[in-house]
Amino acid sequence: MTAAPDRARSLSRIGVWIIAALCGLEILWELRLAPLHPGGSWLVLKAIPLAIVVLILVRNARVRTVAALVLLPYFVEGVVRGATEHGRSMWVALCAAALAVLAFGALYLADRAR
């Protein structure tokens, strides 16, 4: 009987860690790895919603659905920039899209297990 809540908790934690990794990747992407402008850009602020989601999910696992919806723009940006850019920026974008999909999947499965 406790297998489902334990699995939901584990998947939720995995989702939080993946979102935290995506947040870190977004910051590195716009500051060091492949910024739009040399020296970094203001697009680094796009990591703020992810940081807020991580802080909320750590304290309250009931907002998984909202967190999953927040991931959609990051997936779309990763796919679009992965298809239109070249070199390192393309690979960073595709990694961001993959992390968004993995986080969405973990949160979805956690919601199903609940």
PDB file of N, CA and C in Angstrom:
ATOM      1  N   MET A   1       0.803  -1.194   0.000  1.00  0.00           N
ATOM      2  CA  MET A   1       0.000   0.000   0.000  1.00  0.00           C
ATOM      3  C   MET A   1       0.850   1.264   0.000  1.00  0.00           C
ATOM      4  N   THR A   2       2.044   1.196   0.564  1.00  0.00           N
ATOM      5  CA  THR A   2       2.899   2.376   0.609  1.00  0.00           C
ATOM      6  C   THR A   2       3.819   2.478  -0.594  1.00  0.00           C
ATOM      7  N   ALA A   3       3.744   1.540  -1.507  1.00  0.00           N
ATOM      8  CA  ALA A   3       4.629   1.568  -2.668  1.00  0.00           C
ATOM      9  C   ALA A   3       4.320   2.755  -3.569  1.00  0.00           C
ATOM     10  N   ALA A   4       3.049   3.063  -3.790  1.00  0.00           N
ATOM     11  CA  ALA A   4       2.686   4.160  -4.681  1.00  0.00           C
ATOM     12  C   ALA A   4       3.128   5.522  -4.134  1.00  0.00           C
ATOM     13  N   PRO A   5       2.879   5.857  -2.869  1.00  0.00           N
ATOM     14  CA  PRO A   5       3.367   7.146  -2.360  1.00  0.00           C
ATOM     15  C   PRO A   5       4.893   7.243  -2.349  1.00  0.00           C
ATOM     16  N   ASP A   6       5.568   6.129  -2.044  1.00  0.00           N
ATOM     17  CA  ASP A   6       7.030   6.146  -2.066  1.00  0.00           C
ATOM     18  C   ASP A   6       7.553   6.363  -3.478  1.00  0.00           C
ATOM     19  N   ARG A   7       6.918   5.709  -4.433  1.00  0.00           N
ATOM     20  CA  ARG A   7       7.333   5.879  -5.825  1.00  0.00           C
ATOM     21  C   ARG A   7       7.048   7.304  -6.286  1.00  0.00           C
ATOM     22  N   ALA A   8       5.904   7.844  -5.919  1.00  0.00           N
ATOM     23  CA  ALA A   8       5.562   9.216  -6.290  1.00  0.00           C
ATOM     24  C   ALA A   8       6.567  10.194  -5.693  1.00  0.00           C
ATOM     25  N   ARG A   9       6.949   9.975  -4.441  1.00  0.00           N
ATOM     26  CA  ARG A   9       7.931  10.845  -3.788  1.00  0.00           C
ATOM     27  C   ARG A   9       9.280  10.754  -4.476  1.00  0.00           C
ATOM     28  N   SER A  10       9.689   9.548  -4.820  1.00  0.00           N
ATOM     29  CA  SER A  10      10.979   9.360  -5.497  1.00  0.00           C
ATOM     30  C   SER A  10      10.988  10.021  -6.865  1.00  0.00           C
ATOM     31  N   LEU A  11       9.929   9.822  -7.626  1.00  0.00           N
ATOM     32  CA  LEU A  11       9.851  10.438  -8.951  1.00  0.00           C
ATOM     33  C   LEU A  11       9.769  11.954  -8.855  1.00  0.00           C
ATOM     34  N   SER A  12       9.088  12.451  -7.848  1.00  0.00           N
ATOM     35  CA  SER A  12       9.014  13.887  -7.646  1.00  0.00           C
ATOM     36  C   SER A  12      10.393  14.461  -7.341  1.00  0.00           C
ATOM     37  N   ARG A  13      11.153  13.763  -6.514  1.00  0.00           N
ATOM     38  CA  ARG A  13      12.521  14.211  -6.215  1.00  0.00           C
ATOM     39  C   ARG A  13      13.398  14.186  -7.455  1.00  0.00           C
ATOM     40  N   ILE A  14      13.248  13.143  -8.253  1.00  0.00           N
ATOM     41  CA  ILE A  14      14.010  13.071  -9.501  1.00  0.00           C
ATOM     42  C   ILE A  14      13.644  14.250 -10.396  1.00  0.00           C
ATOM     43  N   GLY A  15      12.351  14.541 -10.487  1.00  0.00           N
ATOM     44  CA  GLY A  15      11.911  15.687 -11.283  1.00  0.00           C
ATOM     45  C   GLY A  15      12.493  16.995 -10.780  1.00  0.00           C
ATOM     46  N   VAL A  16      12.550  17.169  -9.461  1.00  0.00           N
ATOM     47  CA  VAL A  16      13.126  18.388  -8.881  1.00  0.00           C
ATOM     48  C   VAL A  16      14.599  18.505  -9.240  1.00  0.00           C
ATOM     49  N   TRP A  17      15.332  17.405  -9.139  1.00  0.00           N
ATOM     50  CA  TRP A  17      16.750  17.434  -9.474  1.00  0.00           C
ATOM     51  C   TRP A  17      16.974  17.727 -10.959  1.00  0.00           C
ATOM     52  N   ILE A  18      16.131  17.186 -11.814  1.00  0.00           N
ATOM     53  CA  ILE A  18      16.282  17.452 -13.245  1.00  0.00           C
ATOM     54  C   ILE A  18      15.955  18.915 -13.540  1.00  0.00           C
ATOM     55  N   ILE A  19      14.936  19.459 -12.900  1.00  0.00           N
ATOM     56  CA  ILE A  19      14.609  20.870 -13.104  1.00  0.00           C
ATOM     57  C   ILE A  19      15.744  21.752 -12.579  1.00  0.00           C
ATOM     58  N   ALA A  20      16.340  21.370 -11.454  1.00  0.00           N
ATOM     59  CA  ALA A  20      17.487  22.125 -10.932  1.00  0.00           C
ATOM     60  C   ALA A  20      18.657  22.066 -11.915  1.00  0.00           C
ATOM     61  N   ALA A  21      18.881  20.904 -12.521  1.00  0.00           N
ATOM     62  CA  ALA A  21      19.939  20.781 -13.526  1.00  0.00           C
ATOM     63  C   ALA A  21      19.626  21.642 -14.744  1.00  0.00           C
ATOM     64  N   LEU A  22      18.365  21.671 -15.157  1.00  0.00           N
ATOM     65  CA  LEU A  22      17.960  22.517 -16.276  1.00  0.00           C
ATOM     66  C   LEU A  22      18.164  23.993 -15.936  1.00  0.00           C
ATOM     67  N   CYS A  23      17.852  24.366 -14.721  1.00  0.00           N
ATOM     68  CA  CYS A  23      18.059  25.746 -14.278  1.00  0.00           C
ATOM     69  C   CYS A  23      19.546  26.107 -14.361  1.00  0.00           C
ATOM     70  N   GLY A  24      20.396  25.227 -13.867  1.00  0.00           N
ATOM     71  CA  GLY A  24      21.838  25.458 -13.947  1.00  0.00           C
ATOM     72  C   GLY A  24      22.337  25.519 -15.374  1.00  0.00           C
ATOM     73  N   LEU A  25      21.818  24.647 -16.232  1.00  0.00           N
ATOM     74  CA  LEU A  25      22.209  24.660 -17.638  1.00  0.00           C
ATOM     75  C   LEU A  25      21.780  25.959 -18.309  1.00  0.00           C
ATOM     76  N   GLU A  26      20.587  26.439 -17.998  1.00  0.00           N
ATOM     77  CA  GLU A  26      20.118  27.699 -18.587  1.00  0.00           C
ATOM     78  C   GLU A  26      21.021  28.866 -18.180  1.00  0.00           C
ATOM     79  N   ILE A  27      21.449  28.873 -16.922  1.00  0.00           N
ATOM     80  CA  ILE A  27      22.339  29.937 -16.456  1.00  0.00           C
ATOM     81  C   ILE A  27      23.690  29.847 -17.162  1.00  0.00           C
ATOM     82  N   LEU A  28      24.262  28.644 -17.200  1.00  0.00           N
ATOM     83  CA  LEU A  28      25.547  28.470 -17.881  1.00  0.00           C
ATOM     84  C   LEU A  28      25.450  28.772 -19.373  1.00  0.00           C
ATOM     85  N   TRP A  29      24.330  28.390 -19.966  1.00  0.00           N
ATOM     86  CA  TRP A  29      24.123  28.598 -21.394  1.00  0.00           C
ATOM     87  C   TRP A  29      24.227  30.076 -21.740  1.00  0.00           C
ATOM     88  N   GLU A  30      23.549  30.914 -20.995  1.00  0.00           N
ATOM     89  CA  GLU A  30      23.505  32.335 -21.336  1.00  0.00           C
ATOM     90  C   GLU A  30      24.674  33.145 -20.785  1.00  0.00           C
ATOM     91  N   LEU A  31      25.424  32.574 -19.834  1.00  0.00           N
ATOM     92  CA  LEU A  31      26.574  33.308 -19.308  1.00  0.00           C
ATOM     93  C   LEU A  31      27.898  32.854 -19.912  1.00  0.00           C
ATOM     94  N   ARG A  32      28.079  31.545 -20.120  1.00  0.00           N
ATOM     95  CA  ARG A  32      29.384  31.044 -20.539  1.00  0.00           C
ATOM     96  C   ARG A  32      29.375  30.144 -21.778  1.00  0.00           C
ATOM     97  N   LEU A  33      28.481  29.184 -21.828  1.00  0.00           N
ATOM     98  CA  LEU A  33      28.580  28.160 -22.868  1.00  0.00           C
ATOM     99  C   LEU A  33      28.316  28.691 -24.276  1.00  0.00           C
ATOM    100  N   ALA A  34      27.201  29.359 -24.473  1.00  0.00           N
ATOM    101  CA  ALA A  34      26.845  29.864 -25.806  1.00  0.00           C
ATOM    102  C   ALA A  34      25.910  31.061 -25.691  1.00  0.00           C
ATOM    103  N   PRO A  35      26.388  32.167 -25.106  1.00  0.00           N
ATOM    104  CA  PRO A  35      25.496  33.332 -24.950  1.00  0.00           C
ATOM    105  C   PRO A  35      25.175  33.978 -26.299  1.00  0.00           C
ATOM    106  N   LEU A  36      24.032  34.645 -26.359  1.00  0.00           N
ATOM    107  CA  LEU A  36      23.666  35.351 -27.584  1.00  0.00           C
ATOM    108  C   LEU A  36      24.604  36.522 -27.851  1.00  0.00           C
ATOM    109  N   HIS A  37      25.071  37.169 -26.804  1.00  0.00           N
ATOM    110  CA  HIS A  37      26.000  38.289 -26.918  1.00  0.00           C
ATOM    111  C   HIS A  37      27.272  37.954 -26.156  1.00  0.00           C
ATOM    112  N   PRO A  38      28.439  38.377 -26.635  1.00  0.00           N
ATOM    113  CA  PRO A  38      29.682  38.096 -25.900  1.00  0.00           C
ATOM    114  C   PRO A  38      29.620  38.656 -24.477  1.00  0.00           C
ATOM    115  N   GLY A  39      30.058  37.852 -23.526  1.00  0.00           N
ATOM    116  CA  GLY A  39      30.049  38.276 -22.134  1.00  0.00           C
ATOM    117  C   GLY A  39      28.764  37.947 -21.401  1.00  0.00           C
ATOM    118  N   GLY A  40      27.815  37.327 -22.069  1.00  0.00           N
ATOM    119  CA  GLY A  40      26.552  36.976 -21.424  1.00  0.00           C
ATOM    120  C   GLY A  40      25.418  37.874 -21.880  1.00  0.00           C
ATOM    121  N   SER A  41      24.225  37.486 -21.544  1.00  0.00           N
ATOM    122  CA  SER A  41      23.060  38.269 -21.944  1.00  0.00           C
ATOM    123  C   SER A  41      22.008  38.240 -20.843  1.00  0.00           C
ATOM    124  N   TRP A  42      21.032  39.111 -20.986  1.00  0.00           N
ATOM    125  CA  TRP A  42      19.947  39.182 -20.002  1.00  0.00           C
ATOM    126  C   TRP A  42      19.022  37.977 -20.077  1.00  0.00           C
ATOM    127  N   LEU A  43      19.193  37.138 -21.083  1.00  0.00           N
ATOM    128  CA  LEU A  43      18.371  35.933 -21.170  1.00  0.00           C
ATOM    129  C   LEU A  43      18.646  34.963 -20.025  1.00  0.00           C
ATOM    130  N   VAL A  44      19.679  35.228 -19.248  1.00  0.00           N
ATOM    131  CA  VAL A  44      19.957  34.394 -18.083  1.00  0.00           C
ATOM    132  C   VAL A  44      18.799  34.473 -17.091  1.00  0.00           C
ATOM    133  N   LEU A  45      18.008  35.524 -17.164  1.00  0.00           N
ATOM    134  CA  LEU A  45      16.866  35.683 -16.262  1.00  0.00           C
ATOM    135  C   LEU A  45      15.774  34.640 -16.508  1.00  0.00           C
ATOM    136  N   LYS A  46      15.851  33.939 -17.642  1.00  0.00           N
ATOM    137  CA  LYS A  46      14.843  32.906 -17.915  1.00  0.00           C
ATOM    138  C   LYS A  46      14.963  31.727 -16.955  1.00  0.00           C
ATOM    139  N   ALA A  47      16.033  31.668 -16.174  1.00  0.00           N
ATOM    140  CA  ALA A  47      16.203  30.595 -15.199  1.00  0.00           C
ATOM    141  C   ALA A  47      15.428  30.873 -13.913  1.00  0.00           C
ATOM    142  N   ILE A  48      14.966  32.088 -13.720  1.00  0.00           N
ATOM    143  CA  ILE A  48      14.248  32.436 -12.482  1.00  0.00           C
ATOM    144  C   ILE A  48      12.977  31.609 -12.292  1.00  0.00           C
ATOM    145  N   PRO A  49      12.114  31.456 -13.310  1.00  0.00           N
ATOM    146  CA  PRO A  49      10.921  30.613 -13.093  1.00  0.00           C
ATOM    147  C   PRO A  49      11.270  29.178 -12.707  1.00  0.00           C
ATOM    148  N   LEU A  50      12.349  28.643 -13.261  1.00  0.00           N
ATOM    149  CA  LEU A  50      12.753  27.281 -12.891  1.00  0.00           C
ATOM    150  C   LEU A  50      13.203  27.220 -11.438  1.00  0.00           C
ATOM    151  N   ALA A  51      13.926  28.230 -11.003  1.00  0.00           N
ATOM    152  CA  ALA A  51      14.364  28.258  -9.601  1.00  0.00           C
ATOM    153  C   ALA A  51      13.162  28.347  -8.664  1.00  0.00           C
ATOM    154  N   ILE A  52      12.170  29.144  -9.038  1.00  0.00           N
ATOM    155  CA  ILE A  52      10.960  29.253  -8.223  1.00  0.00           C
ATOM    156  C   ILE A  52      10.229  27.915  -8.170  1.00  0.00           C
ATOM    157  N   VAL A  53      10.142  27.242  -9.310  1.00  0.00           N
ATOM    158  CA  VAL A  53       9.473  25.936  -9.361  1.00  0.00           C
ATOM    159  C   VAL A  53      10.201  24.932  -8.465  1.00  0.00           C
ATOM    160  N   VAL A  54      11.531  24.943  -8.493  1.00  0.00           N
ATOM    161  CA  VAL A  54      12.295  24.024  -7.647  1.00  0.00           C
ATOM    162  C   VAL A  54      12.016  24.303  -6.181  1.00  0.00           C
ATOM    163  N   LEU A  55      12.020  25.570  -5.802  1.00  0.00           N
ATOM    164  CA  LEU A  55      11.766  25.918  -4.397  1.00  0.00           C
ATOM    165  C   LEU A  55      10.364  25.509  -3.956  1.00  0.00           C
ATOM    166  N   ILE A  56       9.385  25.668  -4.842  1.00  0.00           N
ATOM    167  CA  ILE A  56       8.013  25.294  -4.499  1.00  0.00           C
ATOM    168  C   ILE A  56       7.870  23.767  -4.445  1.00  0.00           C
ATOM    169  N   LEU A  57       8.448  23.063  -5.412  1.00  0.00           N
ATOM    170  CA  LEU A  57       8.312  21.603  -5.454  1.00  0.00           C
ATOM    171  C   LEU A  57       9.001  20.929  -4.283  1.00  0.00           C
ATOM    172  N   VAL A  58      10.090  21.513  -3.800  1.00  0.00           N
ATOM    173  CA  VAL A  58      10.776  20.914  -2.658  1.00  0.00           C
ATOM    174  C   VAL A  58       9.870  20.946  -1.438  1.00  0.00           C
ATOM    175  N   ARG A  59       9.068  22.000  -1.306  1.00  0.00           N
ATOM    176  CA  ARG A  59       8.210  22.144  -0.139  1.00  0.00           C
ATOM    177  C   ARG A  59       6.814  21.578  -0.331  1.00  0.00           C
ATOM    178  N   ASN A  60       6.323  21.582  -1.566  1.00  0.00           N
ATOM    179  CA  ASN A  60       4.940  21.168  -1.802  1.00  0.00           C
ATOM    180  C   ASN A  60       4.875  20.366  -3.102  1.00  0.00           C
ATOM    181  N   ALA A  61       4.675  19.080  -2.986  1.00  0.00           N
ATOM    182  CA  ALA A  61       4.654  18.211  -4.163  1.00  0.00           C
ATOM    183  C   ALA A  61       3.328  18.256  -4.913  1.00  0.00           C
ATOM    184  N   ARG A  62       2.365  19.010  -4.425  1.00  0.00           N
ATOM    185  CA  ARG A  62       1.060  19.055  -5.091  1.00  0.00           C
ATOM    186  C   ARG A  62       1.040  19.974  -6.311  1.00  0.00           C
ATOM    187  N   VAL A  63       2.090  20.671  -6.574  1.00  0.00           N
ATOM    188  CA  VAL A  63       2.114  21.602  -7.702  1.00  0.00           C
ATOM    189  C   VAL A  63       2.859  21.013  -8.899  1.00  0.00           C
ATOM    190  N   ARG A  64       2.914  19.689  -8.967  1.00  0.00           N
ATOM    191  CA  ARG A  64       3.622  19.041 -10.071  1.00  0.00           C
ATOM    192  C   ARG A  64       3.032  19.392 -11.424  1.00  0.00           C
ATOM    193  N   THR A  65       1.731  19.530 -11.507  1.00  0.00           N
ATOM    194  CA  THR A  65       1.086  19.840 -12.787  1.00  0.00           C
ATOM    195  C   THR A  65       1.516  21.208 -13.293  1.00  0.00           C
ATOM    196  N   VAL A  66       1.528  22.185 -12.421  1.00  0.00           N
ATOM    197  CA  VAL A  66       1.963  23.532 -12.807  1.00  0.00           C
ATOM    198  C   VAL A  66       3.435  23.504 -13.205  1.00  0.00           C
ATOM    199  N   ALA A  67       4.239  22.766 -12.461  1.00  0.00           N
ATOM    200  CA  ALA A  67       5.656  22.663 -12.784  1.00  0.00           C
ATOM    201  C   ALA A  67       5.861  22.043 -14.161  1.00  0.00           C
ATOM    202  N   ALA A  68       5.061  21.042 -14.471  1.00  0.00           N
ATOM    203  CA  ALA A  68       5.173  20.411 -15.780  1.00  0.00           C
ATOM    204  C   ALA A  68       4.814  21.395 -16.893  1.00  0.00           C
ATOM    205  N   LEU A  69       3.843  22.256 -16.646  1.00  0.00           N
ATOM    206  CA  LEU A  69       3.464  23.249 -17.651  1.00  0.00           C
ATOM    207  C   LEU A  69       4.527  24.331 -17.816  1.00  0.00           C
ATOM    208  N   VAL A  70       5.247  24.632 -16.757  1.00  0.00           N
ATOM    209  CA  VAL A  70       6.316  25.629 -16.831  1.00  0.00           C
ATOM    210  C   VAL A  70       7.458  25.130 -17.719  1.00  0.00           C
ATOM    211  N   LEU A  71       7.622  23.828 -17.825  1.00  0.00           N
ATOM    212  CA  LEU A  71       8.702  23.256 -18.613  1.00  0.00           C
ATOM    213  C   LEU A  71       8.493  23.380 -20.121  1.00  0.00           C
ATOM    214  N   LEU A  72       7.278  23.562 -20.556  1.00  0.00           N
ATOM    215  CA  LEU A  72       6.982  23.599 -21.995  1.00  0.00           C
ATOM    216  C   LEU A  72       7.766  24.664 -22.755  1.00  0.00           C
ATOM    217  N   PRO A  73       7.824  25.923 -22.304  1.00  0.00           N
ATOM    218  CA  PRO A  73       8.604  26.910 -23.061  1.00  0.00           C
ATOM    219  C   PRO A  73      10.092  26.568 -23.159  1.00  0.00           C
ATOM    220  N   TYR A  74      10.645  25.928 -22.147  1.00  0.00           N
ATOM    221  CA  TYR A  74      12.054  25.556 -22.184  1.00  0.00           C
ATOM    222  C   TYR A  74      12.294  24.448 -23.203  1.00  0.00           C
ATOM    223  N   PHE A  75      11.344  23.534 -23.314  1.00  0.00           N
ATOM    224  CA  PHE A  75      11.436  22.499 -24.337  1.00  0.00           C
ATOM    225  C   PHE A  75      11.365  23.123 -25.728  1.00  0.00           C
ATOM    226  N   VAL A  76      10.409  24.015 -25.924  1.00  0.00           N
ATOM    227  CA  VAL A  76      10.231  24.650 -27.237  1.00  0.00           C
ATOM    228  C   VAL A  76      11.475  25.457 -27.608  1.00  0.00           C
ATOM    229  N   GLU A  77      11.999  26.234 -26.664  1.00  0.00           N
ATOM    230  CA  GLU A  77      13.207  27.011 -26.949  1.00  0.00           C
ATOM    231  C   GLU A  77      14.370  26.103 -27.306  1.00  0.00           C
ATOM    232  N   GLY A  78      14.526  25.003 -26.580  1.00  0.00           N
ATOM    233  CA  GLY A  78      15.611  24.081 -26.877  1.00  0.00           C
ATOM    234  C   GLY A  78      15.499  23.467 -28.258  1.00  0.00           C
ATOM    235  N   VAL A  79      14.291  23.103 -28.644  1.00  0.00           N
ATOM    236  CA  VAL A  79      14.096  22.512 -29.977  1.00  0.00           C
ATOM    237  C   VAL A  79      14.341  23.556 -31.069  1.00  0.00           C
ATOM    238  N   VAL A  80      13.792  24.747 -30.896  1.00  0.00           N
ATOM    239  CA  VAL A  80      13.945  25.788 -31.924  1.00  0.00           C
ATOM    240  C   VAL A  80      15.402  26.209 -32.058  1.00  0.00           C
ATOM    241  N   ARG A  81      16.054  26.485 -30.941  1.00  0.00           N
ATOM    242  CA  ARG A  81      17.456  26.902 -31.016  1.00  0.00           C
ATOM    243  C   ARG A  81      18.356  25.755 -31.431  1.00  0.00           C
ATOM    244  N   GLY A  82      17.982  24.529 -31.096  1.00  0.00           N
ATOM    245  CA  GLY A  82      18.752  23.377 -31.553  1.00  0.00           C
ATOM    246  C   GLY A  82      18.657  23.184 -33.053  1.00  0.00           C
ATOM    247  N   ALA A  83      17.518  23.551 -33.633  1.00  0.00           N
ATOM    248  CA  ALA A  83      17.328  23.396 -35.079  1.00  0.00           C
ATOM    249  C   ALA A  83      17.898  24.559 -35.872  1.00  0.00           C
ATOM    250  N   THR A  84      18.036  25.727 -35.262  1.00  0.00           N
ATOM    251  CA  THR A  84      18.454  26.900 -36.021  1.00  0.00           C
ATOM    252  C   THR A  84      19.894  27.334 -35.765  1.00  0.00           C
ATOM    253  N   GLU A  85      20.509  26.864 -34.707  1.00  0.00           N
ATOM    254  CA  GLU A  85      21.876  27.275 -34.400  1.00  0.00           C
ATOM    255  C   GLU A  85      22.845  26.141 -34.691  1.00  0.00           C
ATOM    256  N   HIS A  86      24.119  26.463 -34.632  1.00  0.00           N
ATOM    257  CA  HIS A  86      25.153  25.480 -34.963  1.00  0.00           C
ATOM    258  C   HIS A  86      26.175  25.412 -33.841  1.00  0.00           C
ATOM    259  N   GLY A  87      26.964  24.361 -33.845  1.00  0.00           N
ATOM    260  CA  GLY A  87      28.062  24.227 -32.896  1.00  0.00           C
ATOM    261  C   GLY A  87      27.606  23.942 -31.484  1.00  0.00           C
ATOM    262  N   ARG A  88      28.319  24.541 -30.542  1.00  0.00           N
ATOM    263  CA  ARG A  88      28.055  24.299 -29.131  1.00  0.00           C
ATOM    264  C   ARG A  88      26.652  24.721 -28.730  1.00  0.00           C
ATOM    265  N   SER A  89      26.182  25.824 -29.267  1.00  0.00           N
ATOM    266  CA  SER A  89      24.855  26.321 -28.917  1.00  0.00           C
ATOM    267  C   SER A  89      23.766  25.313 -29.278  1.00  0.00           C
ATOM    268  N   MET A  90      23.933  24.638 -30.412  1.00  0.00           N
ATOM    269  CA  MET A  90      22.957  23.625 -30.821  1.00  0.00           C
ATOM    270  C   MET A  90      22.904  22.490 -29.804  1.00  0.00           C
ATOM    271  N   TRP A  91      24.075  22.020 -29.365  1.00  0.00           N
ATOM    272  CA  TRP A  91      24.115  20.899 -28.430  1.00  0.00           C
ATOM    273  C   TRP A  91      23.595  21.288 -27.051  1.00  0.00           C
ATOM    274  N   VAL A  92      23.896  22.501 -26.621  1.00  0.00           N
ATOM    275  CA  VAL A  92      23.373  22.956 -25.334  1.00  0.00           C
ATOM    276  C   VAL A  92      21.851  23.058 -25.403  1.00  0.00           C
ATOM    277  N   ALA A  93      21.340  23.559 -26.521  1.00  0.00           N
ATOM    278  CA  ALA A  93      19.890  23.685 -26.693  1.00  0.00           C
ATOM    279  C   ALA A  93      19.216  22.315 -26.683  1.00  0.00           C
ATOM    280  N   LEU A  94      19.796  21.364 -27.362  1.00  0.00           N
ATOM    281  CA  LEU A  94      19.212  20.024 -27.397  1.00  0.00           C
ATOM    282  C   LEU A  94      19.278  19.349 -26.024  1.00  0.00           C
ATOM    283  N   CYS A  95      20.346  19.606 -25.270  1.00  0.00           N
ATOM    284  CA  CYS A  95      20.424  19.082 -23.893  1.00  0.00           C
ATOM    285  C   CYS A  95      19.342  19.704 -23.023  1.00  0.00           C
ATOM    286  N   ALA A  96      19.091  21.008 -23.202  1.00  0.00           N
ATOM    287  CA  ALA A  96      18.034  21.664 -22.434  1.00  0.00           C
ATOM    288  C   ALA A  96      16.672  21.076 -22.775  1.00  0.00           C
ATOM    289  N   ALA A  97      16.434  20.817 -24.052  1.00  0.00           N
ATOM    290  CA  ALA A  97      15.167  20.214 -24.461  1.00  0.00           C
ATOM    291  C   ALA A  97      15.027  18.807 -23.868  1.00  0.00           C
ATOM    292  N   ALA A  98      16.112  18.050 -23.876  1.00  0.00           N
ATOM    293  CA  ALA A  98      16.071  16.695 -23.313  1.00  0.00           C
ATOM    294  C   ALA A  98      15.810  16.730 -21.805  1.00  0.00           C
ATOM    295  N   LEU A  99      16.439  17.660 -21.097  1.00  0.00           N
ATOM    296  CA  LEU A  99      16.196  17.783 -19.660  1.00  0.00           C
ATOM    297  C   LEU A  99      14.748  18.166 -19.382  1.00  0.00           C
ATOM    298  N   ALA A 100      14.189  19.044 -20.205  1.00  0.00           N
ATOM    299  CA  ALA A 100      12.787  19.434 -20.024  1.00  0.00           C
ATOM    300  C   ALA A 100      11.865  18.239 -20.218  1.00  0.00           C
ATOM    301  N   VAL A 101      12.152  17.407 -21.207  1.00  0.00           N
ATOM    302  CA  VAL A 101      11.335  16.208 -21.444  1.00  0.00           C
ATOM    303  C   VAL A 101      11.479  15.217 -20.293  1.00  0.00           C
ATOM    304  N   LEU A 102      12.699  15.018 -19.817  1.00  0.00           N
ATOM    305  CA  LEU A 102      12.913  14.098 -18.699  1.00  0.00           C
ATOM    306  C   LEU A 102      12.211  14.579 -17.431  1.00  0.00           C
ATOM    307  N   ALA A 103      12.286  15.874 -17.161  1.00  0.00           N
ATOM    308  CA  ALA A 103      11.617  16.421 -15.976  1.00  0.00           C
ATOM    309  C   ALA A 103      10.108  16.278 -16.109  1.00  0.00           C
ATOM    310  N   PHE A 104       9.583  16.576 -17.294  1.00  0.00           N
ATOM    311  CA  PHE A 104       8.151  16.425 -17.523  1.00  0.00           C
ATOM    312  C   PHE A 104       7.732  14.978 -17.304  1.00  0.00           C
ATOM    313  N   GLY A 105       8.506  14.039 -17.843  1.00  0.00           N
ATOM    314  CA  GLY A 105       8.184  12.622 -17.680  1.00  0.00           C
ATOM    315  C   GLY A 105       8.207  12.184 -16.224  1.00  0.00           C
ATOM    316  N   ALA A 106       9.209  12.642 -15.482  1.00  0.00           N
ATOM    317  CA  ALA A 106       9.291  12.272 -14.065  1.00  0.00           C
ATOM    318  C   ALA A 106       8.112  12.844 -13.285  1.00  0.00           C
ATOM    319  N   LEU A 107       7.747  14.094 -13.556  1.00  0.00           N
ATOM    320  CA  LEU A 107       6.613  14.697 -12.854  1.00  0.00           C
ATOM    321  C   LEU A 107       5.298  14.044 -13.247  1.00  0.00           C
ATOM    322  N   TYR A 108       5.165  13.675 -14.510  1.00  0.00           N
ATOM    323  CA  TYR A 108       3.959  12.996 -14.970  1.00  0.00           C
ATOM    324  C   TYR A 108       3.819  11.637 -14.297  1.00  0.00           C
ATOM    325  N   LEU A 109       4.921  10.877 -14.262  1.00  0.00           N
ATOM    326  CA  LEU A 109       4.866   9.561 -13.638  1.00  0.00           C
ATOM    327  C   LEU A 109       4.628   9.664 -12.124  1.00  0.00           C
ATOM    328  N   ALA A 110       5.185  10.703 -11.512  1.00  0.00           N
ATOM    329  CA  ALA A 110       4.939  10.912 -10.080  1.00  0.00           C
ATOM    330  C   ALA A 110       3.468  11.212  -9.839  1.00  0.00           C
ATOM    331  N   ASP A 111       2.866  11.987 -10.723  1.00  0.00           N
ATOM    332  CA  ASP A 111       1.441  12.294 -10.592  1.00  0.00           C
ATOM    333  C   ASP A 111       0.589  11.047 -10.802  1.00  0.00           C
ATOM    334  N   ARG A 112       0.978  10.210 -11.756  1.00  0.00           N
ATOM    335  CA  ARG A 112       0.255   8.955 -11.999  1.00  0.00           C
ATOM    336  C   ARG A 112       0.370   8.007 -10.803  1.00  0.00           C
ATOM    337  N   ALA A 113       1.560   7.946 -10.205  1.00  0.00           N
ATOM    338  CA  ALA A 113       1.762   7.045  -9.077  1.00  0.00           C
ATOM    339  C   ALA A 113       0.994   7.524  -7.839  1.00  0.00           C
ATOM    340  N   ARG A 114       0.735   8.791  -7.773  1.00  0.00           N
ATOM    341  CA  ARG A 114       0.009   9.354  -6.647  1.00  0.00           C
ATOM    342  C   ARG A 114      -1.451   9.020  -6.770  1.00  0.00           C
TER     343      ARG A 114
END
